[in-house]
PDB file of N, CA and C in Angstrom:
ATOM      1  N   MET A   1       3.911 -53.781 -16.737  1.00  0.00           N
ATOM      2  CA  MET A   1       2.484 -53.776 -16.421  1.00  0.00           C
ATOM      3  C   MET A   1       2.272 -54.421 -15.058  1.00  0.00           C
ATOM      4  N   LYS A   2       1.407 -53.824 -14.251  1.00  0.00           N
ATOM      5  CA  LYS A   2       1.117 -54.348 -12.926  1.00  0.00           C
ATOM      6  C   LYS A   2       0.371 -55.675 -13.011  1.00  0.00           C
ATOM      7  N   ASN A   3       0.551 -56.457 -11.990  1.00  0.00           N
ATOM      8  CA  ASN A   3      -0.210 -57.677 -11.835  1.00  0.00           C
ATOM      9  C   ASN A   3      -1.658 -57.287 -11.556  1.00  0.00           C
ATOM     10  N   TYR A   4      -2.621 -57.945 -12.211  1.00  0.00           N
ATOM     11  CA  TYR A   4      -4.021 -57.559 -12.035  1.00  0.00           C
ATOM     12  C   TYR A   4      -4.480 -57.719 -10.597  1.00  0.00           C
ATOM     13  N   LYS A   5      -3.890 -58.648  -9.843  1.00  0.00           N
ATOM     14  CA  LYS A   5      -4.264 -58.817  -8.435  1.00  0.00           C
ATOM     15  C   LYS A   5      -3.890 -57.582  -7.624  1.00  0.00           C
ATOM     16  N   GLU A   6      -2.761 -56.973  -7.952  1.00  0.00           N
ATOM     17  CA  GLU A   6      -2.344 -55.745  -7.274  1.00  0.00           C
ATOM     18  C   GLU A   6      -3.330 -54.613  -7.571  1.00  0.00           C
ATOM     19  N   ILE A   7      -3.752 -54.529  -8.810  1.00  0.00           N
ATOM     20  CA  ILE A   7      -4.671 -53.471  -9.221  1.00  0.00           C
ATOM     21  C   ILE A   7      -5.990 -53.592  -8.465  1.00  0.00           C
ATOM     22  N   PHE A   8      -6.559 -54.796  -8.451  1.00  0.00           N
ATOM     23  CA  PHE A   8      -7.866 -54.974  -7.834  1.00  0.00           C
ATOM     24  C   PHE A   8      -7.806 -55.007  -6.310  1.00  0.00           C
ATOM     25  N   LYS A   9      -6.630 -55.233  -5.754  1.00  0.00           N
ATOM     26  CA  LYS A   9      -6.491 -55.228  -4.303  1.00  0.00           C
ATOM     27  C   LYS A   9      -6.863 -53.859  -3.735  1.00  0.00           C
ATOM     28  N   ARG A  10      -6.626 -52.808  -4.514  1.00  0.00           N
ATOM     29  CA  ARG A  10      -6.995 -51.456  -4.077  1.00  0.00           C
ATOM     30  C   ARG A  10      -8.492 -51.305  -3.878  1.00  0.00           C
ATOM     31  N   PHE A  11      -9.255 -52.159  -4.520  1.00  0.00           N
ATOM     32  CA  PHE A  11     -10.709 -52.010  -4.505  1.00  0.00           C
ATOM     33  C   PHE A  11     -11.415 -53.086  -3.707  1.00  0.00           C
ATOM     34  N   GLU A  12     -10.659 -53.836  -2.912  1.00  0.00           N
ATOM     35  CA  GLU A  12     -11.281 -54.885  -2.110  1.00  0.00           C
ATOM     36  C   GLU A  12     -12.226 -54.253  -1.104  1.00  0.00           C
ATOM     37  N   ILE A  13     -13.417 -54.808  -1.054  1.00  0.00           N
ATOM     38  CA  ILE A  13     -14.403 -54.365  -0.082  1.00  0.00           C
ATOM     39  C   ILE A  13     -15.070 -55.597   0.503  1.00  0.00           C
ATOM     40  N   GLU A  14     -15.601 -55.428   1.671  1.00  0.00           N
ATOM     41  CA  GLU A  14     -16.328 -56.535   2.278  1.00  0.00           C
ATOM     42  C   GLU A  14     -17.569 -56.806   1.441  1.00  0.00           C
ATOM     43  N   ASN A  15     -17.855 -58.069   1.234  1.00  0.00           N
ATOM     44  CA  ASN A  15     -19.025 -58.478   0.441  1.00  0.00           C
ATOM     45  C   ASN A  15     -18.972 -57.879  -0.958  1.00  0.00           C
ATOM     46  N   GLY A  16     -17.870 -58.060  -1.662  1.00  0.00           N
ATOM     47  CA  GLY A  16     -17.722 -57.558  -3.023  1.00  0.00           C
ATOM     48  C   GLY A  16     -18.875 -57.995  -3.908  1.00  0.00           C
ATOM     49  N   PHE A  17     -18.663 -58.075  -5.164  1.00  0.00           N
ATOM     50  CA  PHE A  17     -19.733 -58.405  -6.103  1.00  0.00           C
ATOM     51  C   PHE A  17     -20.097 -59.876  -5.954  1.00  0.00           C
ATOM     52  N   VAL A  18     -21.145 -60.140  -5.194  1.00  0.00           N
ATOM     53  CA  VAL A  18     -21.569 -61.505  -4.907  1.00  0.00           C
ATOM     54  C   VAL A  18     -22.856 -61.786  -5.663  1.00  0.00           C
ATOM     55  N   LYS A  19     -22.900 -62.943  -6.297  1.00  0.00           N
ATOM     56  CA  LYS A  19     -24.098 -63.332  -7.040  1.00  0.00           C
ATOM     57  C   LYS A  19     -25.236 -63.579  -6.060  1.00  0.00           C
ATOM     58  N   GLU A  20     -26.362 -62.983  -6.323  1.00  0.00           N
ATOM     59  CA  GLU A  20     -27.548 -63.214  -5.511  1.00  0.00           C
ATOM     60  C   GLU A  20     -28.197 -64.512  -5.958  1.00  0.00           C
ATOM     61  N   THR A  21     -28.952 -65.148  -5.081  1.00  0.00           N
ATOM     62  CA  THR A  21     -29.606 -66.401  -5.428  1.00  0.00           C
ATOM     63  C   THR A  21     -30.880 -66.138  -6.211  1.00  0.00           C
ATOM     64  N   ALA A  22     -31.383 -67.175  -6.848  1.00  0.00           N
ATOM     65  CA  ALA A  22     -32.630 -67.073  -7.601  1.00  0.00           C
ATOM     66  C   ALA A  22     -33.792 -66.868  -6.632  1.00  0.00           C
ATOM     67  N   PRO A  23     -34.864 -66.225  -7.087  1.00  0.00           N
ATOM     68  CA  PRO A  23     -36.018 -66.011  -6.212  1.00  0.00           C
ATOM     69  C   PRO A  23     -36.601 -67.333  -5.712  1.00  0.00           C
ATOM     70  N   ALA A  24     -37.077 -67.316  -4.480  1.00  0.00           N
ATOM     71  CA  ALA A  24     -37.734 -68.497  -3.919  1.00  0.00           C
ATOM     72  C   ALA A  24     -39.083 -68.683  -4.609  1.00  0.00           C
ATOM     73  N   ILE A  25     -39.556 -69.909  -4.594  1.00  0.00           N
ATOM     74  CA  ILE A  25     -40.869 -70.178  -5.182  1.00  0.00           C
ATOM     75  C   ILE A  25     -41.923 -69.822  -4.145  1.00  0.00           C
ATOM     76  N   VAL A  26     -42.750 -68.841  -4.501  1.00  0.00           N
ATOM     77  CA  VAL A  26     -43.787 -68.341  -3.601  1.00  0.00           C
ATOM     78  C   VAL A  26     -45.102 -68.381  -4.362  1.00  0.00           C
ATOM     79  N   ASP A  27     -46.186 -68.863  -3.696  1.00  0.00           N
ATOM     80  CA  ASP A  27     -47.467 -68.918  -4.395  1.00  0.00           C
ATOM     81  C   ASP A  27     -47.947 -67.507  -4.731  1.00  0.00           C
ATOM     82  N   THR A  28     -48.812 -67.408  -5.714  1.00  0.00           N
ATOM     83  CA  THR A  28     -49.222 -66.132  -6.293  1.00  0.00           C
ATOM     84  C   THR A  28     -49.803 -65.159  -5.269  1.00  0.00           C
ATOM     85  N   SER A  29     -50.701 -65.632  -4.416  1.00  0.00           N
ATOM     86  CA  SER A  29     -51.335 -64.723  -3.452  1.00  0.00           C
ATOM     87  C   SER A  29     -50.325 -64.244  -2.408  1.00  0.00           C
ATOM     88  N   ARG A  30     -49.442 -65.122  -1.975  1.00  0.00           N
ATOM     89  CA  ARG A  30     -48.403 -64.737  -1.001  1.00  0.00           C
ATOM     90  C   ARG A  30     -47.424 -63.760  -1.653  1.00  0.00           C
ATOM     91  N   LYS A  31     -47.082 -64.014  -2.909  1.00  0.00           N
ATOM     92  CA  LYS A  31     -46.169 -63.129  -3.630  1.00  0.00           C
ATOM     93  C   LYS A  31     -46.756 -61.723  -3.743  1.00  0.00           C
ATOM     94  N   ALA A  32     -48.024 -61.628  -4.090  1.00  0.00           N
ATOM     95  CA  ALA A  32     -48.677 -60.320  -4.217  1.00  0.00           C
ATOM     96  C   ALA A  32     -48.681 -59.590  -2.877  1.00  0.00           C
ATOM     97  N   ALA A  33     -48.972 -60.313  -1.794  1.00  0.00           N
ATOM     98  CA  ALA A  33     -48.983 -59.695  -0.465  1.00  0.00           C
ATOM     99  C   ALA A  33     -47.580 -59.224  -0.076  1.00  0.00           C
ATOM    100  N   LEU A  34     -46.577 -60.037  -0.357  1.00  0.00           N
ATOM    101  CA  LEU A  34     -45.195 -59.649  -0.061  1.00  0.00           C
ATOM    102  C   LEU A  34     -44.774 -58.430  -0.877  1.00  0.00           C
ATOM    103  N   ASN A  35     -45.141 -58.400  -2.158  1.00  0.00           N
ATOM    104  CA  ASN A  35     -44.789 -57.251  -3.005  1.00  0.00           C
ATOM    105  C   ASN A  35     -45.450 -55.969  -2.490  1.00  0.00           C
ATOM    106  N   ARG A  36     -46.710 -56.066  -2.046  1.00  0.00           N
ATOM    107  CA  ARG A  36     -47.385 -54.895  -1.465  1.00  0.00           C
ATOM    108  C   ARG A  36     -46.649 -54.428  -0.215  1.00  0.00           C
ATOM    109  N   LYS A  37     -46.270 -55.385   0.639  1.00  0.00           N
ATOM    110  CA  LYS A  37     -45.519 -55.057   1.846  1.00  0.00           C
ATOM    111  C   LYS A  37     -44.179 -54.413   1.483  1.00  0.00           C
ATOM    112  N   GLY A  38     -43.498 -54.967   0.478  1.00  0.00           N
ATOM    113  CA  GLY A  38     -42.230 -54.396   0.018  1.00  0.00           C
ATOM    114  C   GLY A  38     -42.400 -52.977  -0.480  1.00  0.00           C
ATOM    115  N   ASN A  39     -43.485 -52.725  -1.200  1.00  0.00           N
ATOM    116  CA  ASN A  39     -43.750 -51.368  -1.696  1.00  0.00           C
ATOM    117  C   ASN A  39     -43.988 -50.393  -0.544  1.00  0.00           C
ATOM    118  N   VAL A  40     -44.732 -50.836   0.477  1.00  0.00           N
ATOM    119  CA  VAL A  40     -44.978 -49.984   1.647  1.00  0.00           C
ATOM    120  C   VAL A  40     -43.652 -49.683   2.340  1.00  0.00           C
ATOM    121  N   LEU A  41     -42.827 -50.705   2.524  1.00  0.00           N
ATOM    122  CA  LEU A  41     -41.528 -50.511   3.164  1.00  0.00           C
ATOM    123  C   LEU A  41     -40.638 -49.575   2.346  1.00  0.00           C
ATOM    124  N   TYR A  42     -40.606 -49.787   1.032  1.00  0.00           N
ATOM    125  CA  TYR A  42     -39.804 -48.927   0.157  1.00  0.00           C
ATOM    126  C   TYR A  42     -40.253 -47.470   0.291  1.00  0.00           C
ATOM    127  N   ASN A  43     -41.553 -47.252   0.212  1.00  0.00           N
ATOM    128  CA  ASN A  43     -42.093 -45.892   0.278  1.00  0.00           C
ATOM    129  C   ASN A  43     -41.862 -45.235   1.633  1.00  0.00           C
ATOM    130  N   SER A  44     -41.737 -46.056   2.691  1.00  0.00           N
ATOM    131  CA  SER A  44     -41.483 -45.493   4.026  1.00  0.00           C
ATOM    132  C   SER A  44     -39.990 -45.332   4.297  1.00  0.00           C
ATOM    133  N   GLY A  45     -39.152 -45.746   3.333  1.00  0.00           N
ATOM    134  CA  GLY A  45     -37.714 -45.546   3.467  1.00  0.00           C
ATOM    135  C   GLY A  45     -36.932 -46.752   3.956  1.00  0.00           C
ATOM    136  N   ASP A  46     -37.607 -47.879   4.189  1.00  0.00           N
ATOM    137  CA  ASP A  46     -36.906 -49.095   4.620  1.00  0.00           C
ATOM    138  C   ASP A  46     -36.471 -49.872   3.372  1.00  0.00           C
ATOM    139  N   ILE A  47     -35.476 -49.339   2.709  1.00  0.00           N
ATOM    140  CA  ILE A  47     -35.022 -49.841   1.415  1.00  0.00           C
ATOM    141  C   ILE A  47     -34.472 -51.267   1.520  1.00  0.00           C
ATOM    142  N   GLU A  48     -33.690 -51.534   2.549  1.00  0.00           N
ATOM    143  CA  GLU A  48     -33.033 -52.846   2.651  1.00  0.00           C
ATOM    144  C   GLU A  48     -34.025 -53.976   2.895  1.00  0.00           C
ATOM    145  N   THR A  49     -35.039 -53.753   3.712  1.00  0.00           N
ATOM    146  CA  THR A  49     -36.052 -54.791   3.922  1.00  0.00           C
ATOM    147  C   THR A  49     -36.864 -54.989   2.646  1.00  0.00           C
ATOM    148  N   ALA A  50     -37.194 -53.883   1.986  1.00  0.00           N
ATOM    149  CA  ALA A  50     -37.912 -53.982   0.713  1.00  0.00           C
ATOM    150  C   ALA A  50     -37.083 -54.765  -0.301  1.00  0.00           C
ATOM    151  N   ARG A  51     -35.777 -54.511  -0.334  1.00  0.00           N
ATOM    152  CA  ARG A  51     -34.886 -55.230  -1.259  1.00  0.00           C
ATOM    153  C   ARG A  51     -34.943 -56.728  -1.006  1.00  0.00           C
ATOM    154  N   ARG A  52     -34.888 -57.123   0.260  1.00  0.00           N
ATOM    155  CA  ARG A  52     -34.931 -58.556   0.582  1.00  0.00           C
ATOM    156  C   ARG A  52     -36.246 -59.185   0.128  1.00  0.00           C
ATOM    157  N   ILE A  53     -37.333 -58.470   0.309  1.00  0.00           N
ATOM    158  CA  ILE A  53     -38.633 -58.990  -0.137  1.00  0.00           C
ATOM    159  C   ILE A  53     -38.659 -59.109  -1.651  1.00  0.00           C
ATOM    160  N   PHE A  54     -38.224 -58.065  -2.351  1.00  0.00           N
ATOM    161  CA  PHE A  54     -38.249 -58.084  -3.813  1.00  0.00           C
ATOM    162  C   PHE A  54     -37.339 -59.182  -4.379  1.00  0.00           C
ATOM    163  N   LEU A  55     -36.212 -59.424  -3.713  1.00  0.00           N
ATOM    164  CA  LEU A  55     -35.339 -60.521  -4.144  1.00  0.00           C
ATOM    165  C   LEU A  55     -36.027 -61.870  -3.941  1.00  0.00           C
ATOM    166  N   THR A  56     -36.731 -62.014  -2.839  1.00  0.00           N
ATOM    167  CA  THR A  56     -37.429 -63.263  -2.543  1.00  0.00           C
ATOM    168  C   THR A  56     -38.521 -63.544  -3.558  1.00  0.00           C
ATOM    169  N   THR A  57     -39.271 -62.501  -3.913  1.00  0.00           N
ATOM    170  CA  THR A  57     -40.394 -62.697  -4.834  1.00  0.00           C
ATOM    171  C   THR A  57     -39.994 -62.578  -6.304  1.00  0.00           C
ATOM    172  N   GLY A  58     -38.817 -62.011  -6.557  1.00  0.00           N
ATOM    173  CA  GLY A  58     -38.393 -61.794  -7.944  1.00  0.00           C
ATOM    174  C   GLY A  58     -39.158 -60.668  -8.611  1.00  0.00           C
ATOM    175  N   TYR A  59     -39.627 -59.695  -7.827  1.00  0.00           N
ATOM    176  CA  TYR A  59     -40.422 -58.573  -8.328  1.00  0.00           C
ATOM    177  C   TYR A  59     -39.524 -57.596  -9.076  1.00  0.00           C
ATOM    178  N   THR A  60     -39.544 -57.687 -10.395  1.00  0.00           N
ATOM    179  CA  THR A  60     -38.593 -56.939 -11.212  1.00  0.00           C
ATOM    180  C   THR A  60     -38.754 -55.422 -11.084  1.00  0.00           C
ATOM    181  N   ASP A  61     -39.984 -54.922 -11.045  1.00  0.00           N
ATOM    182  CA  ASP A  61     -40.183 -53.486 -10.914  1.00  0.00           C
ATOM    183  C   ASP A  61     -39.597 -52.986  -9.599  1.00  0.00           C
ATOM    184  N   GLY A  62     -39.801 -53.738  -8.539  1.00  0.00           N
ATOM    185  CA  GLY A  62     -39.241 -53.366  -7.247  1.00  0.00           C
ATOM    186  C   GLY A  62     -37.724 -53.387  -7.260  1.00  0.00           C
ATOM    187  N   LEU A  63     -37.146 -54.405  -7.900  1.00  0.00           N
ATOM    188  CA  LEU A  63     -35.685 -54.495  -7.991  1.00  0.00           C
ATOM    189  C   LEU A  63     -35.108 -53.316  -8.767  1.00  0.00           C
ATOM    190  N   VAL A  64     -35.783 -52.919  -9.825  1.00  0.00           N
ATOM    191  CA  VAL A  64     -35.320 -51.765 -10.615  1.00  0.00           C
ATOM    192  C   VAL A  64     -35.408 -50.488  -9.775  1.00  0.00           C
ATOM    193  N   ARG A  65     -36.480 -50.332  -9.016  1.00  0.00           N
ATOM    194  CA  ARG A  65     -36.597 -49.140  -8.160  1.00  0.00           C
ATOM    195  C   ARG A  65     -35.512 -49.122  -7.082  1.00  0.00           C
ATOM    196  N   ILE A  66     -35.190 -50.294  -6.537  1.00  0.00           N
ATOM    197  CA  ILE A  66     -34.094 -50.365  -5.564  1.00  0.00           C
ATOM    198  C   ILE A  66     -32.783 -49.981  -6.262  1.00  0.00           C
ATOM    199  N   GLY A  67     -32.582 -50.480  -7.488  1.00  0.00           N
ATOM    200  CA  GLY A  67     -31.397 -50.115  -8.265  1.00  0.00           C
ATOM    201  C   GLY A  67     -31.326 -48.618  -8.514  1.00  0.00           C
ATOM    202  N   ASP A  68     -32.451 -48.022  -8.839  1.00  0.00           N
ATOM    203  CA  ASP A  68     -32.498 -46.568  -9.048  1.00  0.00           C
ATOM    204  C   ASP A  68     -32.134 -45.822  -7.765  1.00  0.00           C
ATOM    205  N   TYR A  69     -32.633 -46.317  -6.640  1.00  0.00           N
ATOM    206  CA  TYR A  69     -32.298 -45.702  -5.359  1.00  0.00           C
ATOM    207  C   TYR A  69     -30.785 -45.773  -5.126  1.00  0.00           C
ATOM    208  N   TYR A  70     -30.207 -46.961  -5.320  1.00  0.00           N
ATOM    209  CA  TYR A  70     -28.765 -47.119  -5.124  1.00  0.00           C
ATOM    210  C   TYR A  70     -27.978 -46.204  -6.071  1.00  0.00           C
ATOM    211  N   ARG A  71     -28.422 -46.127  -7.324  1.00  0.00           N
ATOM    212  CA  ARG A  71     -27.739 -45.252  -8.278  1.00  0.00           C
ATOM    213  C   ARG A  71     -27.796 -43.801  -7.826  1.00  0.00           C
ATOM    214  N   SER A  72     -28.932 -43.378  -7.273  1.00  0.00           N
ATOM    215  CA  SER A  72     -29.064 -41.994  -6.795  1.00  0.00           C
ATOM    216  C   SER A  72     -28.135 -41.711  -5.620  1.00  0.00           C
ATOM    217  N   LYS A  73     -27.719 -42.759  -4.932  1.00  0.00           N
ATOM    218  CA  LYS A  73     -26.791 -42.634  -3.800  1.00  0.00           C
ATOM    219  C   LYS A  73     -25.353 -42.939  -4.214  1.00  0.00           C
ATOM    220  N   SER A  74     -25.113 -43.040  -5.528  1.00  0.00           N
ATOM    221  CA  SER A  74     -23.791 -43.350  -6.104  1.00  0.00           C
ATOM    222  C   SER A  74     -23.277 -44.717  -5.669  1.00  0.00           C
ATOM    223  N   ARG A  75     -24.165 -45.639  -5.417  1.00  0.00           N
ATOM    224  CA  ARG A  75     -23.806 -47.027  -5.082  1.00  0.00           C
ATOM    225  C   ARG A  75     -23.963 -47.854  -6.359  1.00  0.00           C
ATOM    226  N   MET A  76     -23.054 -47.613  -7.299  1.00  0.00           N
ATOM    227  CA  MET A  76     -23.208 -48.151  -8.644  1.00  0.00           C
ATOM    228  C   MET A  76     -23.142 -49.689  -8.697  1.00  0.00           C
ATOM    229  N   ILE A  77     -22.281 -50.310  -7.910  1.00  0.00           N
ATOM    230  CA  ILE A  77     -22.198 -51.768  -7.925  1.00  0.00           C
ATOM    231  C   ILE A  77     -23.494 -52.371  -7.383  1.00  0.00           C
ATOM    232  N   ASP A  78     -24.029 -51.784  -6.317  1.00  0.00           N
ATOM    233  CA  ASP A  78     -25.301 -52.268  -5.776  1.00  0.00           C
ATOM    234  C   ASP A  78     -26.428 -52.054  -6.785  1.00  0.00           C
ATOM    235  N   ALA A  79     -26.417 -50.919  -7.452  1.00  0.00           N
ATOM    236  CA  ALA A  79     -27.424 -50.659  -8.485  1.00  0.00           C
ATOM    237  C   ALA A  79     -27.307 -51.693  -9.595  1.00  0.00           C
ATOM    238  N   LEU A  80     -26.078 -51.966 -10.026  1.00  0.00           N
ATOM    239  CA  LEU A  80     -25.868 -52.958 -11.082  1.00  0.00           C
ATOM    240  C   LEU A  80     -26.403 -54.324 -10.673  1.00  0.00           C
ATOM    241  N   ARG A  81     -26.175 -54.714  -9.429  1.00  0.00           N
ATOM    242  CA  ARG A  81     -26.708 -56.004  -8.944  1.00  0.00           C
ATOM    243  C   ARG A  81     -28.215 -56.076  -9.136  1.00  0.00           C
ATOM    244  N   MET A  82     -28.912 -55.026  -8.725  1.00  0.00           N
ATOM    245  CA  MET A  82     -30.377 -55.029  -8.818  1.00  0.00           C
ATOM    246  C   MET A  82     -30.835 -55.047 -10.269  1.00  0.00           C
ATOM    247  N   TYR A  83     -30.188 -54.239 -11.114  1.00  0.00           N
ATOM    248  CA  TYR A  83     -30.569 -54.218 -12.533  1.00  0.00           C
ATOM    249  C   TYR A  83     -30.288 -55.565 -13.191  1.00  0.00           C
ATOM    250  N   TRP A  84     -29.190 -56.185 -12.804  1.00  0.00           N
ATOM    251  CA  TRP A  84     -28.799 -57.470 -13.402  1.00  0.00           C
ATOM    252  C   TRP A  84     -29.804 -58.549 -13.037  1.00  0.00           C
ATOM    253  N   ILE A  85     -30.220 -58.565 -11.775  1.00  0.00           N
ATOM    254  CA  ILE A  85     -31.162 -59.579 -11.310  1.00  0.00           C
ATOM    255  C   ILE A  85     -32.545 -59.326 -11.902  1.00  0.00           C
ATOM    256  N   ALA A  86     -32.912 -58.061 -12.162  1.00  0.00           N
ATOM    257  CA  ALA A  86     -34.268 -57.709 -12.584  1.00  0.00           C
ATOM    258  C   ALA A  86     -34.770 -58.451 -13.836  1.00  0.00           C
ATOM    259  N   PRO A  87     -34.162 -58.684 -14.906  1.00  0.00           N
ATOM    260  CA  PRO A  87     -33.012 -58.039 -15.532  1.00  0.00           C
ATOM    261  C   PRO A  87     -33.449 -56.807 -16.325  1.00  0.00           C
ATOM    262  N   ASP A  88     -32.634 -55.771 -16.253  1.00  0.00           N
ATOM    263  CA  ASP A  88     -32.908 -54.533 -16.987  1.00  0.00           C
ATOM    264  C   ASP A  88     -31.626 -54.113 -17.700  1.00  0.00           C
ATOM    265  N   LYS A  89     -31.472 -54.589 -18.937  1.00  0.00           N
ATOM    266  CA  LYS A  89     -30.256 -54.300 -19.701  1.00  0.00           C
ATOM    267  C   LYS A  89     -30.097 -52.818 -19.997  1.00  0.00           C
ATOM    268  N   LYS A  90     -31.198 -52.138 -20.207  1.00  0.00           N
ATOM    269  CA  LYS A  90     -31.137 -50.706 -20.528  1.00  0.00           C
ATOM    270  C   LYS A  90     -30.445 -49.925 -19.408  1.00  0.00           C
ATOM    271  N   LYS A  91     -30.644 -50.344 -18.173  1.00  0.00           N
ATOM    272  CA  LYS A  91     -30.026 -49.643 -17.046  1.00  0.00           C
ATOM    273  C   LYS A  91     -28.697 -50.264 -16.628  1.00  0.00           C
ATOM    274  N   SER A  92     -28.521 -51.561 -16.848  1.00  0.00           N
ATOM    275  CA  SER A  92     -27.268 -52.206 -16.424  1.00  0.00           C
ATOM    276  C   SER A  92     -26.121 -51.955 -17.406  1.00  0.00           C
ATOM    277  N   GLU A  93     -26.400 -51.897 -18.692  1.00  0.00           N
ATOM    278  CA  GLU A  93     -25.332 -51.760 -19.683  1.00  0.00           C
ATOM    279  C   GLU A  93     -24.495 -50.482 -19.542  1.00  0.00           C
ATOM    280  N   PRO A  94     -25.099 -49.306 -19.265  1.00  0.00           N
ATOM    281  CA  PRO A  94     -24.251 -48.114 -19.081  1.00  0.00           C
ATOM    282  C   PRO A  94     -23.299 -48.251 -17.888  1.00  0.00           C
ATOM    283  N   ILE A  95     -23.744 -48.903 -16.837  1.00  0.00           N
ATOM    284  CA  ILE A  95     -22.876 -49.101 -15.670  1.00  0.00           C
ATOM    285  C   ILE A  95     -21.753 -50.067 -16.022  1.00  0.00           C
ATOM    286  N   ILE A  96     -22.089 -51.118 -16.733  1.00  0.00           N
ATOM    287  CA  ILE A  96     -21.069 -52.083 -17.157  1.00  0.00           C
ATOM    288  C   ILE A  96     -20.032 -51.402 -18.049  1.00  0.00           C
ATOM    289  N   GLU A  97     -20.481 -50.558 -18.971  1.00  0.00           N
ATOM    290  CA  GLU A  97     -19.552 -49.825 -19.844  1.00  0.00           C
ATOM    291  C   GLU A  97     -18.645 -48.911 -19.028  1.00  0.00           C
ATOM    292  N   ARG A  98     -19.211 -48.242 -18.041  1.00  0.00           N
ATOM    293  CA  ARG A  98     -18.430 -47.346 -17.192  1.00  0.00           C
ATOM    294  C   ARG A  98     -17.369 -48.124 -16.412  1.00  0.00           C
ATOM    295  N   ILE A  99     -17.763 -49.259 -15.843  1.00  0.00           N
ATOM    296  CA  ILE A  99     -16.818 -50.103 -15.106  1.00  0.00           C
ATOM    297  C   ILE A  99     -15.745 -50.630 -16.044  1.00  0.00           C
ATOM    298  N   SER A 100     -16.142 -51.015 -17.244  1.00  0.00           N
ATOM    299  CA  SER A 100     -15.188 -51.506 -18.234  1.00  0.00           C
ATOM    300  C   SER A 100     -14.149 -50.432 -18.568  1.00  0.00           C
ATOM    301  N   ASP A 101     -14.600 -49.200 -18.726  1.00  0.00           N
ATOM    302  CA  ASP A 101     -13.675 -48.089 -19.001  1.00  0.00           C
ATOM    303  C   ASP A 101     -12.696 -47.886 -17.849  1.00  0.00           C
ATOM    304  N   ILE A 102     -13.202 -47.978 -16.631  1.00  0.00           N
ATOM    305  CA  ILE A 102     -12.340 -47.810 -15.460  1.00  0.00           C
ATOM    306  C   ILE A 102     -11.295 -48.917 -15.398  1.00  0.00           C
ATOM    307  N   VAL A 103     -11.719 -50.151 -15.628  1.00  0.00           N
ATOM    308  CA  VAL A 103     -10.777 -51.276 -15.611  1.00  0.00           C
ATOM    309  C   VAL A 103      -9.735 -51.106 -16.710  1.00  0.00           C
ATOM    310  N   HIS A 104     -10.176 -50.697 -17.881  1.00  0.00           N
ATOM    311  CA  HIS A 104      -9.245 -50.474 -18.988  1.00  0.00           C
ATOM    312  C   HIS A 104      -8.202 -49.417 -18.606  1.00  0.00           C
ATOM    313  N   GLN A 105      -8.652 -48.325 -18.003  1.00  0.00           N
ATOM    314  CA  GLN A 105      -7.728 -47.271 -17.576  1.00  0.00           C
ATOM    315  C   GLN A 105      -6.734 -47.791 -16.543  1.00  0.00           C
ATOM    316  N   LEU A 106      -7.210 -48.617 -15.615  1.00  0.00           N
ATOM    317  CA  LEU A 106      -6.319 -49.170 -14.594  1.00  0.00           C
ATOM    318  C   LEU A 106      -5.271 -50.096 -15.206  1.00  0.00           C
ATOM    319  N   LEU A 107      -5.697 -50.898 -16.162  1.00  0.00           N
ATOM    320  CA  LEU A 107      -4.785 -51.859 -16.771  1.00  0.00           C
ATOM    321  C   LEU A 107      -3.753 -51.193 -17.671  1.00  0.00           C
ATOM    322  N   THR A 108      -4.100 -50.038 -18.216  1.00  0.00           N
ATOM    323  CA  THR A 108      -3.162 -49.337 -19.096  1.00  0.00           C
ATOM    324  C   THR A 108      -2.417 -48.219 -18.360  1.00  0.00           C
ATOM    325  N   GLU A 109      -2.673 -48.063 -17.080  1.00  0.00           N
ATOM    326  CA  GLU A 109      -2.073 -46.994 -16.282  1.00  0.00           C
ATOM    327  C   GLU A 109      -0.538 -47.011 -16.336  1.00  0.00           C
ATOM    328  N   ASP A 110       0.041 -48.176 -16.223  1.00  0.00           N
ATOM    329  CA  ASP A 110       1.511 -48.294 -16.226  1.00  0.00           C
ATOM    330  C   ASP A 110       2.115 -48.124 -17.594  1.00  0.00           C
ATOM    331  N   GLU A 111       1.344 -48.210 -18.632  1.00  0.00           N
ATOM    332  CA  GLU A 111       1.891 -48.096 -19.983  1.00  0.00           C
ATOM    333  C   GLU A 111       2.158 -46.642 -20.349  1.00  0.00           C
ATOM    334  N   ARG A 112       1.724 -45.719 -19.547  1.00  0.00           N
ATOM    335  CA  ARG A 112       1.891 -44.288 -19.855  1.00  0.00           C
ATOM    336  C   ARG A 112       3.238 -43.787 -19.478  1.00  0.00           C
TER     337      ARG A 112
END
């Protein structure tokens, strides 16, 4: 059986799965204004700026929409990050199961 470090070395990417920080404390009126701005940015296609705003405010609906966008672009790890932070188990669990299946296949690859 291969060493697990060898297996995962194939998948090393810059900025791998990094835990995002908790949302900053923002007063209610500022949070609402930021969320509106994030929605405008999202709708105009500036997904990354909208993501930063939604992470700052902890706007779960916005985070889920960013996750959906990433999933539509086959960026499953990025989608999982957004769903996990939101938290949206209904959308994160299928991705986790898929990743688990892939890891299982990799770990049993040499046993064949």
